[in-house]
Amino acid sequence: MQFSIARRRMVDRQLRQRGITDPRVIQVMLEMPRHLFVEPALQSQAYSDYPLPIGQKQTISQPFMVATMSQALELEGDERVLEIGTGSGYQAAVLAKLCRRVFTVERIPELARQARRVFDELRLHNINLKVTDGTFGWEEQAPFDGIVVTAGAPDVPRTYLDQLADGGRLIIPVGDLGTQSLKRIIRRGSQFETESLLDCRFVPLLGEKGWHLPE
């Protein structure tokens, strides 16, 4: 009951008051048990307006950012969506309720195992998860109606553009290691329309086509 109250407060104060209007996104955020995606010691903070550590130098994004990225995809329910950076699994779980199938990529095996356990507990059977360098996307399953990247990139990897379906949307933070701009890129045939949604700060996108930093 306490988590249910916390979720409603989160939606009312953090989402609705800051421009989240998609009724499907709001409903999923009201129902999704975010506290299951963080360790027990942090569950009391799961619905707070800030990121939380999940281990391996990674974080679970603040609820507003998850809702913003989900809303920006403009999903109707029958799409196939690629997520880069499974992390805790929370963003993928939200997307799983908004589209037909989610393909999510994580480079850290332990995080992937933890996320899969929660997916199974919640019976989210429309999520495919793979451990690999996420900067390559998931070519065998392309094209995707939506791609969401949950780590900050120095620029937009061409692989993501190539794996985007015509009319599809790519949501990606782009910038330096300190701050990024959240971009929405829409494919129109061979052309790509880009708009900036808001300033943000994510962990770095590591990999062959991302940042190269010492572990």
N, C-alpha and C. Protein backbone atom coordinates (compact mmCIF):
# COMPACT_ATOMS: atom_id res chain seq x y z
N MET A 1 0.82 -1.20 0.00
CA MET A 1 0.00 0.00 0.00
C MET A 1 0.86 1.26 0.00
N GLN A 2 1.96 1.25 0.80
CA GLN A 2 2.81 2.43 0.86
C GLN A 2 3.47 2.70 -0.50
N PHE A 3 3.83 1.65 -1.22
CA PHE A 3 4.44 1.84 -2.53
C PHE A 3 3.42 2.37 -3.53
N SER A 4 2.19 1.91 -3.43
CA SER A 4 1.13 2.38 -4.31
C SER A 4 0.89 3.88 -4.11
N ILE A 5 0.87 4.31 -2.87
CA ILE A 5 0.71 5.73 -2.57
C ILE A 5 1.90 6.53 -3.09
N ALA A 6 3.11 5.98 -2.92
CA ALA A 6 4.32 6.66 -3.40
C ALA A 6 4.31 6.79 -4.92
N ARG A 7 3.81 5.76 -5.61
CA ARG A 7 3.75 5.84 -7.08
C ARG A 7 2.77 6.92 -7.53
N ARG A 8 1.63 6.99 -6.88
CA ARG A 8 0.66 8.02 -7.26
C ARG A 8 1.21 9.42 -7.00
N ARG A 9 1.89 9.60 -5.89
CA ARG A 9 2.51 10.89 -5.60
C ARG A 9 3.58 11.21 -6.64
N MET A 10 4.37 10.20 -7.02
CA MET A 10 5.40 10.39 -8.05
C MET A 10 4.77 10.87 -9.35
N VAL A 11 3.70 10.22 -9.79
CA VAL A 11 3.05 10.58 -11.04
C VAL A 11 2.46 11.98 -10.96
N ASP A 12 1.79 12.30 -9.86
CA ASP A 12 1.14 13.61 -9.73
C ASP A 12 2.15 14.75 -9.67
N ARG A 13 3.23 14.56 -8.91
CA ARG A 13 4.17 15.65 -8.65
C ARG A 13 5.33 15.72 -9.64
N GLN A 14 5.83 14.55 -10.03
CA GLN A 14 7.02 14.54 -10.87
C GLN A 14 6.71 14.48 -12.37
N LEU A 15 5.59 13.86 -12.73
CA LEU A 15 5.29 13.64 -14.14
C LEU A 15 4.24 14.61 -14.67
N ARG A 16 3.05 14.57 -14.13
CA ARG A 16 1.97 15.42 -14.65
C ARG A 16 2.33 16.90 -14.58
N GLN A 17 2.94 17.31 -13.49
CA GLN A 17 3.27 18.73 -13.33
C GLN A 17 4.44 19.17 -14.20
N ARG A 18 5.11 18.22 -14.86
CA ARG A 18 6.27 18.57 -15.67
C ARG A 18 6.10 18.17 -17.14
N GLY A 19 4.84 18.01 -17.56
CA GLY A 19 4.59 17.88 -18.99
C GLY A 19 4.39 16.47 -19.51
N ILE A 20 4.30 15.48 -18.65
CA ILE A 20 3.99 14.13 -19.12
C ILE A 20 2.47 14.02 -19.24
N THR A 21 2.00 13.87 -20.47
CA THR A 21 0.56 13.88 -20.73
C THR A 21 0.04 12.60 -21.38
N ASP A 22 0.93 11.76 -21.91
CA ASP A 22 0.50 10.53 -22.57
C ASP A 22 -0.21 9.63 -21.55
N PRO A 23 -1.50 9.38 -21.73
CA PRO A 23 -2.23 8.60 -20.72
C PRO A 23 -1.71 7.18 -20.55
N ARG A 24 -1.17 6.58 -21.60
CA ARG A 24 -0.65 5.22 -21.49
C ARG A 24 0.63 5.21 -20.67
N VAL A 25 1.49 6.19 -20.87
CA VAL A 25 2.72 6.29 -20.08
C VAL A 25 2.37 6.51 -18.61
N ILE A 26 1.45 7.42 -18.35
CA ILE A 26 1.05 7.70 -16.97
C ILE A 26 0.50 6.45 -16.29
N GLN A 27 -0.34 5.70 -16.99
CA GLN A 27 -0.93 4.51 -16.40
C GLN A 27 0.13 3.46 -16.08
N VAL A 28 1.07 3.26 -16.98
CA VAL A 28 2.13 2.29 -16.73
C VAL A 28 2.99 2.71 -15.55
N MET A 29 3.32 3.99 -15.46
CA MET A 29 4.13 4.47 -14.35
C MET A 29 3.38 4.35 -13.02
N LEU A 30 2.07 4.45 -13.07
CA LEU A 30 1.26 4.26 -11.86
C LEU A 30 1.28 2.82 -11.38
N GLU A 31 1.43 1.89 -12.32
CA GLU A 31 1.31 0.48 -12.00
C GLU A 31 2.66 -0.23 -11.82
N MET A 32 3.71 0.23 -12.49
CA MET A 32 4.97 -0.50 -12.49
C MET A 32 5.68 -0.39 -11.13
N PRO A 33 6.00 -1.50 -10.47
CA PRO A 33 6.64 -1.48 -9.15
C PRO A 33 8.13 -1.15 -9.23
N ARG A 34 8.43 0.11 -9.33
CA ARG A 34 9.81 0.56 -9.48
C ARG A 34 10.71 0.06 -8.35
N HIS A 35 10.14 -0.12 -7.17
CA HIS A 35 10.95 -0.53 -6.02
C HIS A 35 11.57 -1.91 -6.21
N LEU A 36 11.01 -2.72 -7.11
CA LEU A 36 11.58 -4.05 -7.36
C LEU A 36 12.87 -3.97 -8.17
N PHE A 37 13.14 -2.82 -8.76
CA PHE A 37 14.31 -2.69 -9.63
C PHE A 37 15.52 -2.08 -8.90
N VAL A 38 15.40 -1.84 -7.61
CA VAL A 38 16.52 -1.35 -6.81
C VAL A 38 16.75 -2.31 -5.65
N GLU A 39 17.89 -2.22 -5.03
CA GLU A 39 18.18 -3.13 -3.92
C GLU A 39 17.31 -2.78 -2.72
N PRO A 40 17.04 -3.76 -1.85
CA PRO A 40 16.12 -3.54 -0.73
C PRO A 40 16.42 -2.33 0.13
N ALA A 41 17.69 -2.03 0.34
CA ALA A 41 18.06 -0.90 1.20
C ALA A 41 17.64 0.45 0.61
N LEU A 42 17.37 0.48 -0.71
CA LEU A 42 17.01 1.74 -1.37
C LEU A 42 15.54 1.79 -1.77
N GLN A 43 14.77 0.77 -1.41
CA GLN A 43 13.39 0.72 -1.88
C GLN A 43 12.55 1.88 -1.37
N SER A 44 12.87 2.41 -0.20
CA SER A 44 12.10 3.54 0.33
C SER A 44 12.31 4.81 -0.49
N GLN A 45 13.38 4.83 -1.31
CA GLN A 45 13.68 5.99 -2.16
C GLN A 45 13.30 5.76 -3.62
N ALA A 46 12.70 4.63 -3.92
CA ALA A 46 12.48 4.23 -5.31
C ALA A 46 11.63 5.20 -6.10
N TYR A 47 10.74 5.93 -5.44
CA TYR A 47 9.83 6.83 -6.16
C TYR A 47 10.21 8.30 -5.97
N SER A 48 11.45 8.53 -5.54
CA SER A 48 11.95 9.89 -5.38
C SER A 48 12.41 10.45 -6.71
N ASP A 49 12.57 11.75 -6.76
CA ASP A 49 12.86 12.46 -8.01
C ASP A 49 14.36 12.56 -8.28
N TYR A 50 15.05 11.43 -8.27
CA TYR A 50 16.47 11.43 -8.59
C TYR A 50 16.90 10.01 -8.94
N PRO A 51 18.05 9.88 -9.65
CA PRO A 51 18.56 8.54 -9.98
C PRO A 51 19.04 7.84 -8.71
N LEU A 52 19.14 6.51 -8.79
CA LEU A 52 19.66 5.73 -7.67
C LEU A 52 20.72 4.75 -8.18
N PRO A 53 21.75 4.48 -7.38
CA PRO A 53 22.77 3.52 -7.80
C PRO A 53 22.22 2.10 -7.85
N ILE A 54 22.67 1.33 -8.84
CA ILE A 54 22.24 -0.07 -8.95
C ILE A 54 23.46 -1.00 -8.97
N GLY A 55 24.65 -0.45 -8.68
CA GLY A 55 25.87 -1.24 -8.73
C GLY A 55 26.56 -1.12 -10.07
N GLN A 56 27.82 -1.58 -10.13
CA GLN A 56 28.59 -1.58 -11.38
C GLN A 56 28.75 -0.17 -11.96
N LYS A 57 28.72 0.86 -11.09
CA LYS A 57 28.85 2.26 -11.49
C LYS A 57 27.71 2.72 -12.41
N GLN A 58 26.56 2.08 -12.27
CA GLN A 58 25.40 2.42 -13.08
C GLN A 58 24.27 2.92 -12.18
N THR A 59 23.25 3.52 -12.80
CA THR A 59 22.12 4.06 -12.04
C THR A 59 20.80 3.70 -12.71
N ILE A 60 19.73 3.77 -11.92
CA ILE A 60 18.38 3.74 -12.46
C ILE A 60 17.96 5.20 -12.62
N SER A 61 17.51 5.57 -13.81
CA SER A 61 17.18 6.96 -14.09
C SER A 61 16.02 7.44 -13.23
N GLN A 62 15.95 8.76 -13.01
CA GLN A 62 14.83 9.32 -12.26
C GLN A 62 13.53 9.03 -13.02
N PRO A 63 12.42 8.89 -12.31
CA PRO A 63 11.15 8.56 -12.97
C PRO A 63 10.78 9.53 -14.09
N PHE A 64 11.01 10.82 -13.90
CA PHE A 64 10.67 11.80 -14.93
C PHE A 64 11.39 11.52 -16.24
N MET A 65 12.66 11.13 -16.15
CA MET A 65 13.42 10.88 -17.37
C MET A 65 12.91 9.63 -18.08
N VAL A 66 12.56 8.59 -17.33
CA VAL A 66 11.99 7.38 -17.92
C VAL A 66 10.68 7.71 -18.63
N ALA A 67 9.85 8.50 -17.98
CA ALA A 67 8.57 8.88 -18.58
C ALA A 67 8.77 9.76 -19.81
N THR A 68 9.72 10.67 -19.75
CA THR A 68 10.00 11.57 -20.87
C THR A 68 10.44 10.79 -22.10
N MET A 69 11.37 9.86 -21.91
CA MET A 69 11.89 9.09 -23.03
C MET A 69 10.80 8.17 -23.60
N SER A 70 9.98 7.61 -22.71
CA SER A 70 8.90 6.74 -23.16
C SER A 70 7.86 7.53 -23.95
N GLN A 71 7.51 8.69 -23.45
CA GLN A 71 6.52 9.53 -24.14
C GLN A 71 7.04 9.99 -25.49
N ALA A 72 8.34 10.30 -25.56
CA ALA A 72 8.92 10.81 -26.81
C ALA A 72 8.88 9.79 -27.94
N LEU A 73 8.78 8.50 -27.60
CA LEU A 73 8.70 7.47 -28.62
C LEU A 73 7.33 7.44 -29.30
N GLU A 74 6.31 8.03 -28.64
CA GLU A 74 4.95 8.09 -29.19
C GLU A 74 4.44 6.71 -29.60
N LEU A 75 4.50 5.79 -28.67
CA LEU A 75 4.11 4.40 -28.95
C LEU A 75 2.59 4.23 -28.92
N GLU A 76 2.12 3.35 -29.80
CA GLU A 76 0.69 3.07 -29.86
C GLU A 76 0.35 1.65 -29.42
N GLY A 77 1.35 0.76 -29.38
CA GLY A 77 1.11 -0.56 -28.85
C GLY A 77 1.59 -1.73 -29.69
N ASP A 78 1.83 -1.51 -30.98
CA ASP A 78 2.21 -2.64 -31.84
C ASP A 78 3.66 -2.54 -32.31
N GLU A 79 4.45 -1.69 -31.68
CA GLU A 79 5.81 -1.44 -32.15
C GLU A 79 6.83 -2.44 -31.59
N ARG A 80 7.96 -2.45 -32.26
CA ARG A 80 9.14 -3.18 -31.79
C ARG A 80 10.19 -2.13 -31.42
N VAL A 81 10.65 -2.18 -30.18
CA VAL A 81 11.52 -1.13 -29.66
C VAL A 81 12.84 -1.73 -29.17
N LEU A 82 13.94 -1.08 -29.52
CA LEU A 82 15.27 -1.45 -29.04
C LEU A 82 15.68 -0.50 -27.93
N GLU A 83 16.13 -1.07 -26.81
CA GLU A 83 16.70 -0.26 -25.74
C GLU A 83 18.18 -0.57 -25.62
N ILE A 84 18.98 0.48 -25.54
CA ILE A 84 20.43 0.33 -25.34
C ILE A 84 20.74 0.68 -23.90
N GLY A 85 21.19 -0.31 -23.13
CA GLY A 85 21.51 -0.10 -21.73
C GLY A 85 20.39 -0.56 -20.82
N THR A 86 20.27 -1.86 -20.62
CA THR A 86 19.19 -2.41 -19.79
C THR A 86 19.26 -1.89 -18.36
N GLY A 87 20.47 -1.86 -17.80
CA GLY A 87 20.63 -1.38 -16.43
C GLY A 87 19.78 -2.18 -15.46
N SER A 88 18.96 -1.48 -14.68
CA SER A 88 18.09 -2.13 -13.71
C SER A 88 16.96 -2.91 -14.38
N GLY A 89 16.62 -2.52 -15.60
CA GLY A 89 15.50 -3.14 -16.30
C GLY A 89 14.21 -2.34 -16.25
N TYR A 90 14.19 -1.26 -15.48
CA TYR A 90 12.95 -0.51 -15.28
C TYR A 90 12.44 0.12 -16.57
N GLN A 91 13.31 0.77 -17.33
CA GLN A 91 12.87 1.38 -18.58
C GLN A 91 12.33 0.32 -19.54
N ALA A 92 13.00 -0.81 -19.65
CA ALA A 92 12.53 -1.88 -20.52
C ALA A 92 11.17 -2.40 -20.08
N ALA A 93 10.98 -2.49 -18.77
CA ALA A 93 9.70 -2.97 -18.23
C ALA A 93 8.57 -2.02 -18.57
N VAL A 94 8.84 -0.73 -18.46
CA VAL A 94 7.83 0.27 -18.83
C VAL A 94 7.51 0.15 -20.32
N LEU A 95 8.53 0.04 -21.14
CA LEU A 95 8.32 -0.08 -22.59
C LEU A 95 7.55 -1.35 -22.93
N ALA A 96 7.78 -2.42 -22.17
CA ALA A 96 7.11 -3.69 -22.45
C ALA A 96 5.60 -3.58 -22.32
N LYS A 97 5.15 -2.62 -21.53
CA LYS A 97 3.70 -2.40 -21.37
C LYS A 97 3.15 -1.43 -22.42
N LEU A 98 4.04 -0.82 -23.19
CA LEU A 98 3.64 0.20 -24.15
C LEU A 98 3.75 -0.25 -25.60
N CYS A 99 4.48 -1.35 -25.86
CA CYS A 99 4.69 -1.79 -27.24
C CYS A 99 4.59 -3.32 -27.31
N ARG A 100 4.71 -3.83 -28.53
CA ARG A 100 4.54 -5.28 -28.72
C ARG A 100 5.74 -6.07 -28.22
N ARG A 101 6.95 -5.62 -28.54
CA ARG A 101 8.15 -6.36 -28.13
C ARG A 101 9.31 -5.41 -27.89
N VAL A 102 10.06 -5.70 -26.84
CA VAL A 102 11.24 -4.92 -26.48
C VAL A 102 12.49 -5.78 -26.67
N PHE A 103 13.49 -5.20 -27.29
CA PHE A 103 14.81 -5.82 -27.41
C PHE A 103 15.77 -4.92 -26.63
N THR A 104 16.39 -5.47 -25.61
CA THR A 104 17.24 -4.64 -24.75
C THR A 104 18.64 -5.24 -24.65
N VAL A 105 19.63 -4.38 -24.68
CA VAL A 105 21.04 -4.78 -24.72
C VAL A 105 21.77 -4.22 -23.51
N GLU A 106 22.53 -5.06 -22.84
CA GLU A 106 23.30 -4.65 -21.66
C GLU A 106 24.71 -5.21 -21.78
N ARG A 107 25.72 -4.40 -21.45
CA ARG A 107 27.10 -4.87 -21.58
C ARG A 107 27.61 -5.54 -20.31
N ILE A 108 26.92 -5.36 -19.17
CA ILE A 108 27.39 -5.91 -17.90
C ILE A 108 26.55 -7.13 -17.53
N PRO A 109 27.13 -8.34 -17.55
CA PRO A 109 26.35 -9.56 -17.33
C PRO A 109 25.56 -9.59 -16.03
N GLU A 110 26.14 -9.11 -14.94
CA GLU A 110 25.44 -9.16 -13.65
C GLU A 110 24.17 -8.31 -13.67
N LEU A 111 24.24 -7.12 -14.28
CA LEU A 111 23.04 -6.29 -14.37
C LEU A 111 21.98 -6.98 -15.24
N ALA A 112 22.41 -7.61 -16.31
CA ALA A 112 21.48 -8.33 -17.18
C ALA A 112 20.78 -9.45 -16.41
N ARG A 113 21.53 -10.19 -15.59
CA ARG A 113 20.94 -11.28 -14.81
C ARG A 113 19.92 -10.75 -13.80
N GLN A 114 20.27 -9.64 -13.14
CA GLN A 114 19.34 -9.05 -12.17
C GLN A 114 18.06 -8.58 -12.86
N ALA A 115 18.22 -7.93 -14.00
CA ALA A 115 17.05 -7.44 -14.73
C ALA A 115 16.16 -8.59 -15.18
N ARG A 116 16.76 -9.65 -15.68
CA ARG A 116 15.99 -10.80 -16.16
C ARG A 116 15.18 -11.43 -15.02
N ARG A 117 15.75 -11.46 -13.82
CA ARG A 117 15.01 -12.00 -12.68
C ARG A 117 13.75 -11.19 -12.41
N VAL A 118 13.85 -9.87 -12.51
CA VAL A 118 12.68 -9.03 -12.25
C VAL A 118 11.67 -9.17 -13.39
N PHE A 119 12.16 -9.22 -14.63
CA PHE A 119 11.24 -9.43 -15.77
C PHE A 119 10.43 -10.71 -15.57
N ASP A 120 11.12 -11.78 -15.15
CA ASP A 120 10.44 -13.05 -14.95
C ASP A 120 9.44 -12.97 -13.80
N GLU A 121 9.83 -12.27 -12.74
CA GLU A 121 8.92 -12.12 -11.59
C GLU A 121 7.65 -11.38 -12.00
N LEU A 122 7.79 -10.40 -12.87
CA LEU A 122 6.64 -9.61 -13.31
C LEU A 122 5.96 -10.20 -14.53
N ARG A 123 6.47 -11.35 -15.00
CA ARG A 123 5.90 -12.04 -16.16
C ARG A 123 5.88 -11.15 -17.41
N LEU A 124 6.97 -10.45 -17.60
CA LEU A 124 7.12 -9.62 -18.79
C LEU A 124 7.81 -10.47 -19.86
N HIS A 125 7.03 -11.23 -20.58
CA HIS A 125 7.57 -12.22 -21.51
C HIS A 125 7.82 -11.66 -22.91
N ASN A 126 7.58 -10.38 -23.11
CA ASN A 126 7.82 -9.79 -24.43
C ASN A 126 9.12 -8.98 -24.45
N ILE A 127 10.04 -9.31 -23.56
CA ILE A 127 11.35 -8.64 -23.52
C ILE A 127 12.44 -9.62 -23.91
N ASN A 128 13.19 -9.31 -24.96
CA ASN A 128 14.38 -10.07 -25.34
C ASN A 128 15.60 -9.32 -24.83
N LEU A 129 16.49 -10.02 -24.13
CA LEU A 129 17.66 -9.38 -23.53
C LEU A 129 18.93 -10.06 -24.03
N LYS A 130 19.93 -9.24 -24.37
CA LYS A 130 21.20 -9.78 -24.85
C LYS A 130 22.35 -9.02 -24.20
N VAL A 131 23.41 -9.74 -23.82
CA VAL A 131 24.61 -9.12 -23.27
C VAL A 131 25.62 -8.93 -24.40
N THR A 132 25.91 -7.68 -24.69
CA THR A 132 26.84 -7.36 -25.78
C THR A 132 27.17 -5.87 -25.74
N ASP A 133 28.03 -5.43 -26.64
CA ASP A 133 28.34 -4.01 -26.80
C ASP A 133 27.13 -3.33 -27.44
N GLY A 134 26.44 -2.52 -26.66
CA GLY A 134 25.22 -1.89 -27.12
C GLY A 134 25.39 -0.88 -28.23
N THR A 135 26.61 -0.40 -28.44
CA THR A 135 26.80 0.61 -29.49
C THR A 135 26.61 0.02 -30.88
N PHE A 136 26.55 -1.32 -30.98
CA PHE A 136 26.28 -1.96 -32.27
C PHE A 136 24.79 -2.19 -32.49
N GLY A 137 23.96 -1.87 -31.49
CA GLY A 137 22.54 -2.12 -31.62
C GLY A 137 22.24 -3.61 -31.61
N TRP A 138 21.25 -4.01 -32.43
CA TRP A 138 20.87 -5.43 -32.51
C TRP A 138 20.46 -5.66 -33.97
N GLU A 139 21.45 -5.77 -34.82
CA GLU A 139 21.23 -5.77 -36.27
C GLU A 139 20.30 -6.89 -36.74
N GLU A 140 20.41 -8.08 -36.12
CA GLU A 140 19.61 -9.22 -36.58
C GLU A 140 18.11 -8.98 -36.41
N GLN A 141 17.73 -8.10 -35.48
CA GLN A 141 16.32 -7.85 -35.20
C GLN A 141 15.82 -6.54 -35.82
N ALA A 142 16.68 -5.80 -36.47
CA ALA A 142 16.30 -4.52 -37.08
C ALA A 142 15.42 -4.78 -38.32
N PRO A 143 14.61 -3.80 -38.72
CA PRO A 143 14.54 -2.43 -38.18
C PRO A 143 13.59 -2.32 -36.99
N PHE A 144 13.77 -1.24 -36.22
CA PHE A 144 12.98 -0.98 -35.04
C PHE A 144 12.12 0.26 -35.22
N ASP A 145 10.92 0.22 -34.66
CA ASP A 145 10.05 1.39 -34.71
C ASP A 145 10.50 2.46 -33.74
N GLY A 146 11.22 2.05 -32.72
CA GLY A 146 11.77 2.99 -31.76
C GLY A 146 13.07 2.48 -31.19
N ILE A 147 13.98 3.38 -30.89
CA ILE A 147 15.24 3.04 -30.22
C ILE A 147 15.43 4.06 -29.10
N VAL A 148 15.67 3.58 -27.89
CA VAL A 148 15.92 4.46 -26.77
C VAL A 148 17.27 4.10 -26.16
N VAL A 149 18.10 5.11 -25.96
CA VAL A 149 19.46 4.91 -25.46
C VAL A 149 19.54 5.52 -24.07
N THR A 150 19.86 4.70 -23.07
CA THR A 150 19.85 5.17 -21.69
C THR A 150 21.25 5.47 -21.16
N ALA A 151 22.11 5.97 -22.05
CA ALA A 151 23.46 6.40 -21.67
C ALA A 151 23.87 7.51 -22.62
N GLY A 152 24.71 8.42 -22.13
CA GLY A 152 25.09 9.58 -22.91
C GLY A 152 26.16 9.27 -23.94
N ALA A 153 25.92 9.66 -25.19
CA ALA A 153 26.85 9.37 -26.28
C ALA A 153 27.58 10.65 -26.71
N PRO A 154 28.82 10.51 -27.17
CA PRO A 154 29.54 11.69 -27.69
C PRO A 154 28.92 12.19 -28.99
N ASP A 155 28.33 11.29 -29.75
CA ASP A 155 27.59 11.63 -30.97
C ASP A 155 26.64 10.46 -31.25
N VAL A 156 25.89 10.55 -32.33
CA VAL A 156 24.90 9.51 -32.63
C VAL A 156 25.55 8.40 -33.46
N PRO A 157 25.67 7.19 -32.92
CA PRO A 157 26.25 6.10 -33.71
C PRO A 157 25.42 5.84 -34.97
N ARG A 158 26.08 5.69 -36.09
CA ARG A 158 25.39 5.44 -37.35
C ARG A 158 24.60 4.14 -37.31
N THR A 159 25.05 3.19 -36.49
CA THR A 159 24.35 1.92 -36.40
C THR A 159 22.90 2.10 -35.98
N TYR A 160 22.65 3.05 -35.08
CA TYR A 160 21.28 3.27 -34.62
C TYR A 160 20.41 3.84 -35.74
N LEU A 161 20.96 4.75 -36.49
CA LEU A 161 20.20 5.34 -37.60
C LEU A 161 19.87 4.27 -38.64
N ASP A 162 20.85 3.42 -38.92
CA ASP A 162 20.65 2.37 -39.92
C ASP A 162 19.61 1.34 -39.47
N GLN A 163 19.47 1.14 -38.17
CA GLN A 163 18.55 0.13 -37.65
C GLN A 163 17.17 0.69 -37.33
N LEU A 164 16.96 1.95 -37.65
CA LEU A 164 15.67 2.59 -37.39
C LEU A 164 14.76 2.43 -38.60
N ALA A 165 13.52 2.02 -38.35
CA ALA A 165 12.55 1.87 -39.43
C ALA A 165 12.14 3.24 -39.96
N ASP A 166 11.64 3.28 -41.18
CA ASP A 166 11.12 4.53 -41.73
C ASP A 166 9.97 5.01 -40.85
N GLY A 167 10.03 6.25 -40.40
CA GLY A 167 9.04 6.78 -39.48
C GLY A 167 9.36 6.50 -38.02
N GLY A 168 10.41 5.71 -37.77
CA GLY A 168 10.78 5.37 -36.40
C GLY A 168 11.46 6.52 -35.68
N ARG A 169 11.52 6.40 -34.35
CA ARG A 169 12.08 7.45 -33.51
C ARG A 169 13.25 6.93 -32.68
N LEU A 170 14.32 7.67 -32.69
CA LEU A 170 15.49 7.40 -31.86
C LEU A 170 15.57 8.46 -30.77
N ILE A 171 15.61 8.02 -29.50
CA ILE A 171 15.75 8.93 -28.37
C ILE A 171 17.12 8.68 -27.75
N ILE A 172 17.97 9.70 -27.74
CA ILE A 172 19.35 9.50 -27.31
C ILE A 172 19.93 10.77 -26.68
N PRO A 173 20.61 10.64 -25.52
CA PRO A 173 21.32 11.78 -24.94
C PRO A 173 22.67 11.95 -25.65
N VAL A 174 22.95 13.15 -26.11
CA VAL A 174 24.20 13.41 -26.84
C VAL A 174 24.90 14.62 -26.23
N GLY A 175 26.21 14.48 -25.98
CA GLY A 175 26.95 15.60 -25.43
C GLY A 175 28.27 15.14 -24.85
N ASP A 176 28.77 15.90 -23.86
CA ASP A 176 30.03 15.50 -23.24
C ASP A 176 29.75 14.63 -22.02
N LEU A 177 30.79 14.34 -21.24
CA LEU A 177 30.61 13.43 -20.11
C LEU A 177 29.84 14.07 -18.96
N GLY A 178 29.78 15.40 -18.95
CA GLY A 178 29.11 16.09 -17.85
C GLY A 178 27.62 16.29 -18.08
N THR A 179 27.27 16.80 -19.24
CA THR A 179 25.86 17.06 -19.56
C THR A 179 25.60 16.72 -21.02
N GLN A 180 24.36 16.38 -21.28
CA GLN A 180 23.96 16.05 -22.64
C GLN A 180 22.63 16.73 -22.96
N SER A 181 22.29 16.67 -24.23
CA SER A 181 20.99 17.12 -24.70
C SER A 181 20.23 15.89 -25.17
N LEU A 182 19.01 15.73 -24.69
CA LEU A 182 18.20 14.58 -25.11
C LEU A 182 17.62 14.88 -26.49
N LYS A 183 18.01 14.06 -27.47
CA LYS A 183 17.59 14.27 -28.85
C LYS A 183 16.51 13.26 -29.25
N ARG A 184 15.59 13.73 -30.08
CA ARG A 184 14.66 12.83 -30.76
C ARG A 184 14.93 12.93 -32.25
N ILE A 185 15.25 11.80 -32.86
CA ILE A 185 15.58 11.76 -34.28
C ILE A 185 14.55 10.88 -34.98
N ILE A 186 13.87 11.42 -35.97
CA ILE A 186 12.84 10.70 -36.70
C ILE A 186 13.33 10.42 -38.11
N ARG A 187 13.23 9.17 -38.52
CA ARG A 187 13.66 8.80 -39.87
C ARG A 187 12.55 9.05 -40.88
N ARG A 188 12.89 9.76 -41.95
CA ARG A 188 11.99 9.98 -43.08
C ARG A 188 12.69 9.50 -44.34
N GLY A 189 12.57 8.22 -44.63
CA GLY A 189 13.30 7.66 -45.76
C GLY A 189 14.79 7.70 -45.48
N SER A 190 15.54 8.39 -46.32
CA SER A 190 16.99 8.51 -46.12
C SER A 190 17.36 9.77 -45.33
N GLN A 191 16.35 10.53 -44.91
CA GLN A 191 16.59 11.76 -44.16
C GLN A 191 16.25 11.56 -42.68
N PHE A 192 16.86 12.38 -41.83
CA PHE A 192 16.65 12.27 -40.39
C PHE A 192 16.37 13.65 -39.81
N GLU A 193 15.23 13.80 -39.16
CA GLU A 193 14.86 15.05 -38.51
C GLU A 193 15.26 14.98 -37.04
N THR A 194 15.95 16.01 -36.56
CA THR A 194 16.45 16.01 -35.19
C THR A 194 15.89 17.19 -34.41
N GLU A 195 15.45 16.92 -33.18
CA GLU A 195 15.03 17.99 -32.28
C GLU A 195 15.60 17.72 -30.90
N SER A 196 15.86 18.80 -30.16
CA SER A 196 16.35 18.68 -28.79
C SER A 196 15.18 18.81 -27.82
N LEU A 197 15.07 17.86 -26.89
CA LEU A 197 13.94 17.84 -25.96
C LEU A 197 14.24 18.54 -24.65
N LEU A 198 15.40 18.24 -24.07
CA LEU A 198 15.78 18.87 -22.80
C LEU A 198 17.22 18.53 -22.48
N ASP A 199 17.81 19.26 -21.53
CA ASP A 199 19.15 18.95 -21.05
C ASP A 199 19.07 17.82 -20.04
N CYS A 200 20.11 17.00 -19.99
CA CYS A 200 20.08 15.85 -19.10
C CYS A 200 21.50 15.44 -18.75
N ARG A 201 21.58 14.43 -17.88
CA ARG A 201 22.90 13.88 -17.51
C ARG A 201 22.76 12.39 -17.29
N PHE A 202 23.43 11.61 -18.13
CA PHE A 202 23.39 10.15 -18.05
C PHE A 202 24.80 9.61 -17.83
N VAL A 203 24.89 8.36 -17.39
CA VAL A 203 26.17 7.67 -17.38
C VAL A 203 26.64 7.55 -18.83
N PRO A 204 27.95 7.43 -19.08
CA PRO A 204 28.45 7.41 -20.45
C PRO A 204 28.11 6.13 -21.21
N LEU A 205 27.86 6.28 -22.50
CA LEU A 205 27.67 5.14 -23.40
C LEU A 205 29.04 4.58 -23.75
N LEU A 206 29.35 3.41 -23.20
CA LEU A 206 30.66 2.81 -23.42
C LEU A 206 30.58 1.75 -24.52
N GLY A 207 31.65 1.65 -25.30
CA GLY A 207 31.69 0.64 -26.34
C GLY A 207 32.44 1.11 -27.56
N GLU A 208 32.48 0.26 -28.57
CA GLU A 208 33.25 0.54 -29.77
C GLU A 208 32.87 1.85 -30.44
N LYS A 209 31.58 2.17 -30.44
CA LYS A 209 31.11 3.38 -31.12
C LYS A 209 30.65 4.45 -30.13
N GLY A 210 31.07 4.31 -28.87
CA GLY A 210 30.74 5.28 -27.84
C GLY A 210 32.00 5.84 -27.21
N TRP A 211 31.94 6.08 -25.89
CA TRP A 211 33.10 6.56 -25.17
C TRP A 211 34.06 5.41 -24.90
N HIS A 212 35.35 5.73 -24.91
CA HIS A 212 36.39 4.75 -24.57
C HIS A 212 37.05 5.24 -23.28
N LEU A 213 36.61 4.71 -22.15
CA LEU A 213 37.09 5.14 -20.84
C LEU A 213 37.69 3.96 -20.10
N PRO A 214 38.65 4.20 -19.22
CA PRO A 214 39.20 3.10 -18.41
C PRO A 214 38.13 2.56 -17.47
N GLU A 215 38.08 1.24 -17.35
CA GLU A 215 37.08 0.61 -16.47
C GLU A 215 37.42 0.85 -15.00
